[in-house]
Amino acid sequence: MKYLCFFLEYDGDFSLETLTINKNAMASNEYYAINGYNAALYVRNSSTTINNGDVTATGYGALGLYGDNSTINLENMTLTTNNTEVAGIILDDSTLNIDRTDITTNYLLLDGASTFNLNENSSFTGQITVTDGANITINKDGSFVGCINIDNSNAVVDIINNGNMSLTCDSHVTIFVDTNNYSNILSNGYNIYYDQNYNPELNGETIPLNGGGYLLPD
């Protein structure tokens, strides 16, 4: 794992105060990129809280974060990646909770039974790609700018407690719940497609969104 910057594996709860990583490195091939071996921060088999810090990853295949069978809590953090070839963040059967944290990445890959919770006064800019099913919650004034799966997906998306979403491309989800009656979504002309078999309360309706796009059945 010579490409790693910070590797954490701990059987239990682990807390870390202040973490700063500025990684500028190239993965030698795609295997190292997509399997986390070129991650600035790799967390495996752990429940980890990191409070305060900055993580930056640049270069081909440079991941900002790889979570493997873990629960990761980021608080008062900034995480930035500019990798365009593969996902900047990968969660594999993991949960990522962010509070008062800003993330900018090309895309977040949710693999396996993963969960992403965008919480209090946090922001996420980028795309989210779901493979095997995932739960995504935008909560407590969290701000999401991007899109969720440009192709069909089985993602469950909840927007609650004044969370807001601004679309940068069309999104496809299985279940979509917005307790704010969709007033907090700026579509920018893009659509959110939902699976009407899993959203009976929507009755297969097409609902106009702010900015000219629609919430509509797939």
Protein backbone atom coordinates (compact mmCIF):
# COMPACT_ATOMS: atom_id res chain seq x y z
CA MET A 1 0.00 0.00 0.00
CA LYS A 2 2.82 2.39 -0.78
CA TYR A 3 0.41 4.88 -2.36
CA LEU A 4 -1.54 5.53 0.84
CA CYS A 5 -1.19 8.67 2.91
CA PHE A 6 -3.19 7.70 6.02
CA PHE A 7 -4.53 4.22 6.74
CA LEU A 8 -6.77 3.48 9.71
CA GLU A 9 -8.04 0.09 10.83
CA TYR A 10 -9.35 -0.17 14.37
CA ASP A 11 -11.84 -2.63 15.86
CA GLY A 12 -13.95 -0.16 17.82
CA ASP A 13 -14.61 3.57 18.09
CA PHE A 14 -11.75 5.87 17.17
CA SER A 15 -11.60 9.69 17.39
CA LEU A 16 -9.02 11.97 15.83
CA GLU A 17 -8.61 15.71 16.33
CA THR A 18 -7.25 17.72 13.41
CA LEU A 19 -6.08 15.91 10.29
CA THR A 20 -4.41 17.71 7.38
CA ILE A 21 -3.42 15.80 4.23
CA ASN A 22 -2.34 17.30 0.92
CA LYS A 23 -1.82 14.37 -1.44
CA ASN A 24 -0.49 14.85 -4.95
CA ALA A 25 0.25 11.47 -6.44
CA MET A 26 -0.54 9.31 -9.44
CA ALA A 27 -1.84 5.75 -9.25
CA SER A 28 0.31 3.44 -11.34
CA ASN A 29 -2.81 1.79 -12.77
CA GLU A 30 -6.58 1.74 -12.40
CA TYR A 31 -6.49 -1.14 -9.90
CA TYR A 32 -4.73 1.02 -7.33
CA ALA A 33 -7.15 3.86 -8.00
CA ILE A 34 -10.45 1.99 -7.65
CA ASN A 35 -9.38 -0.25 -4.75
CA GLY A 36 -8.42 2.59 -2.46
CA TYR A 37 -4.67 2.06 -2.49
CA ASN A 38 -4.15 5.61 -3.73
CA ALA A 39 -6.39 7.20 -1.10
CA ALA A 40 -5.39 10.16 1.00
CA LEU A 41 -7.50 8.66 3.80
CA TYR A 42 -8.38 4.94 3.94
CA VAL A 43 -10.64 3.74 6.79
CA ARG A 44 -11.32 0.00 7.14
CA ASN A 45 -13.39 -2.01 9.64
CA SER A 46 -13.73 0.94 11.98
CA SER A 47 -16.09 3.51 13.48
CA THR A 48 -14.14 6.74 13.15
CA THR A 49 -14.79 10.40 13.96
CA ILE A 50 -12.44 13.07 12.62
CA ASN A 51 -12.99 16.60 13.89
CA ASN A 52 -11.33 19.54 12.20
CA GLY A 53 -8.98 19.39 9.25
CA ASP A 54 -8.44 19.49 5.53
CA VAL A 55 -7.93 16.64 3.04
CA THR A 56 -6.89 17.38 -0.57
CA ALA A 57 -6.12 14.78 -3.24
CA THR A 58 -4.86 15.55 -6.74
CA GLY A 59 -3.45 13.44 -9.57
CA TYR A 60 -4.71 10.48 -11.60
CA GLY A 61 -6.68 8.08 -9.45
CA ALA A 62 -6.00 10.03 -6.25
CA LEU A 63 -8.92 9.38 -3.89
CA GLY A 64 -9.73 11.75 -1.07
CA LEU A 65 -11.43 9.03 0.99
CA TYR A 66 -11.98 5.28 0.79
CA GLY A 67 -14.31 3.72 3.37
CA ASP A 68 -14.37 -0.08 3.66
CA ASN A 69 -16.94 -1.64 6.03
CA SER A 70 -16.78 1.44 8.25
CA THR A 71 -18.74 4.30 9.75
CA ILE A 72 -16.96 7.60 9.16
CA ASN A 73 -17.97 10.88 10.79
CA LEU A 74 -16.38 14.05 9.43
CA GLU A 75 -16.93 17.23 11.44
CA ASN A 76 -15.62 20.72 10.68
CA MET A 77 -13.68 19.38 7.70
CA THR A 78 -12.91 20.27 4.10
CA LEU A 79 -12.37 17.44 1.58
CA THR A 80 -11.42 18.26 -2.01
CA THR A 81 -10.45 16.05 -4.97
CA ASN A 82 -9.83 16.96 -8.61
CA ASN A 83 -9.38 13.45 -10.01
CA THR A 84 -11.44 13.10 -13.22
CA GLU A 85 -10.69 9.47 -14.12
CA VAL A 86 -12.26 7.54 -11.24
CA ALA A 87 -14.34 8.36 -8.17
CA GLY A 88 -12.83 10.90 -5.80
CA ILE A 89 -14.57 9.20 -2.84
CA ILE A 90 -15.54 5.52 -2.55
CA LEU A 91 -17.71 3.95 0.15
CA ASP A 92 -17.90 0.16 0.17
CA ASP A 93 -20.51 -1.13 2.65
CA SER A 94 -19.85 2.02 4.66
CA THR A 95 -21.60 5.04 6.13
CA LEU A 96 -20.33 8.61 5.76
CA ASN A 97 -21.82 11.29 8.02
CA ILE A 98 -20.71 14.88 7.50
CA ASP A 99 -21.45 17.82 9.82
CA ARG A 100 -20.24 21.38 9.21
CA THR A 101 -18.09 19.89 6.46
CA ASP A 102 -17.60 20.86 2.81
CA ILE A 103 -16.85 18.26 0.13
CA THR A 104 -15.99 19.00 -3.51
CA THR A 105 -15.31 16.01 -5.75
CA ASN A 106 -15.93 14.71 -9.26
CA TYR A 107 -18.11 11.94 -7.91
CA LEU A 108 -18.86 9.84 -4.87
CA LEU A 109 -19.25 6.11 -5.49
CA LEU A 110 -21.63 4.30 -3.11
CA ASP A 111 -20.94 0.59 -3.42
CA GLY A 112 -22.68 -2.18 -1.51
CA ALA A 113 -25.10 -1.20 1.26
CA SER A 114 -23.65 2.25 1.81
CA THR A 115 -25.17 5.40 3.30
CA PHE A 116 -24.32 9.08 2.87
CA ASN A 117 -25.77 11.60 5.34
CA LEU A 118 -25.27 15.26 4.47
CA ASN A 119 -26.02 16.97 7.77
CA GLU A 120 -25.87 20.26 9.62
CA ASN A 121 -24.51 23.21 7.63
CA SER A 122 -22.55 20.94 5.30
CA SER A 123 -22.16 21.05 1.53
CA PHE A 124 -21.46 18.47 -1.14
CA THR A 125 -20.59 19.39 -4.74
CA GLY A 126 -20.29 16.55 -7.26
CA GLN A 127 -22.11 13.55 -8.65
CA ILE A 128 -23.18 10.47 -6.70
CA THR A 129 -23.10 7.07 -8.37
CA VAL A 130 -24.87 4.12 -6.75
CA THR A 131 -24.12 0.49 -7.63
CA ASP A 132 -25.88 -1.97 -5.31
CA GLY A 133 -28.27 0.29 -3.42
CA ALA A 134 -27.72 3.17 -1.04
CA ASN A 135 -29.44 5.64 1.24
CA ILE A 136 -28.77 9.35 0.80
CA THR A 137 -30.09 11.95 3.24
CA ILE A 138 -29.81 15.72 2.85
CA ASN A 139 -30.60 17.14 6.28
CA LYS A 140 -30.38 20.17 8.61
CA ASP A 141 -29.60 22.90 6.07
CA GLY A 142 -27.24 20.61 4.18
CA SER A 143 -26.58 21.74 0.60
CA PHE A 144 -26.20 19.32 -2.32
CA VAL A 145 -25.03 20.57 -5.75
CA GLY A 146 -24.80 17.87 -8.41
CA CYS A 147 -26.86 14.85 -9.44
CA ILE A 148 -27.55 11.29 -8.32
CA ASN A 149 -27.00 8.58 -10.91
CA ILE A 150 -27.20 9.70 -14.50
CA ASP A 151 -28.55 6.21 -15.22
CA ASN A 152 -31.17 4.16 -13.41
CA SER A 153 -30.42 3.40 -9.79
CA ASN A 154 -31.89 1.92 -6.65
CA ALA A 155 -30.94 4.85 -4.43
CA VAL A 156 -33.26 6.01 -1.64
CA VAL A 157 -33.12 9.80 -1.25
CA ASP A 158 -34.58 11.80 1.65
CA ILE A 159 -34.49 15.59 1.87
CA ILE A 160 -35.55 16.75 5.32
CA ASN A 161 -35.22 19.66 7.78
CA ASN A 162 -34.47 22.36 5.20
CA GLY A 163 -31.93 20.39 3.22
CA ASN A 164 -31.59 21.72 -0.32
CA MET A 165 -30.57 20.40 -3.73
CA SER A 166 -29.33 22.14 -6.89
CA LEU A 167 -29.13 19.88 -9.96
CA THR A 168 -26.33 19.90 -12.51
CA CYS A 169 -27.69 16.99 -14.60
CA ASP A 170 -30.62 14.57 -14.63
CA SER A 171 -30.95 12.21 -11.66
CA HIS A 172 -32.47 8.73 -11.32
CA VAL A 173 -33.65 7.35 -7.97
CA THR A 174 -35.88 4.58 -6.71
CA ILE A 175 -37.49 6.32 -3.73
CA PHE A 176 -37.59 10.10 -3.38
CA VAL A 177 -38.95 11.86 -0.30
CA ASP A 178 -38.87 15.63 0.27
CA THR A 179 -40.59 16.92 3.40
CA ASN A 180 -40.28 20.49 2.07
CA ASN A 181 -42.75 19.86 -0.78
CA TYR A 182 -39.96 20.24 -3.37
CA SER A 183 -39.61 24.00 -2.79
CA ASN A 184 -35.96 23.52 -1.81
CA ILE A 185 -34.94 21.95 -5.13
CA LEU A 186 -33.42 24.13 -7.86
CA SER A 187 -33.57 22.02 -11.02
CA ASN A 188 -31.66 24.30 -13.42
CA GLY A 189 -33.71 22.68 -16.19
CA TYR A 190 -32.84 19.10 -15.19
CA ASN A 191 -35.18 16.32 -14.06
CA ILE A 192 -35.39 13.83 -11.22
CA TYR A 193 -36.78 10.47 -12.36
CA TYR A 194 -38.35 8.19 -9.75
CA ASP A 195 -39.59 4.59 -9.78
CA GLN A 196 -43.36 4.87 -9.49
CA ASN A 197 -43.59 1.30 -8.14
CA TYR A 198 -41.83 2.46 -4.96
CA ASN A 199 -43.45 5.90 -4.63
CA PRO A 200 -47.20 5.18 -4.45
CA GLU A 201 -47.89 8.52 -2.77
CA LEU A 202 -46.78 10.31 -5.96
CA ASN A 203 -49.40 8.47 -8.04
CA GLY A 204 -47.13 8.55 -11.08
CA GLU A 205 -47.47 12.34 -11.23
CA THR A 206 -45.15 14.80 -12.93
CA ILE A 207 -44.32 17.60 -10.51
CA PRO A 208 -42.75 20.88 -11.69
CA LEU A 209 -39.61 21.96 -9.87
CA ASN A 210 -38.08 25.41 -9.45
CA GLY A 211 -35.87 26.19 -12.42
CA GLY A 212 -37.84 24.49 -15.19
CA GLY A 213 -37.21 20.80 -14.50
CA TYR A 214 -39.56 18.09 -13.21
CA LEU A 215 -39.91 15.25 -10.77
CA LEU A 216 -41.41 12.53 -12.94
CA PRO A 217 -41.76 8.75 -13.24
CA ASP A 218 -38.93 6.87 -14.92
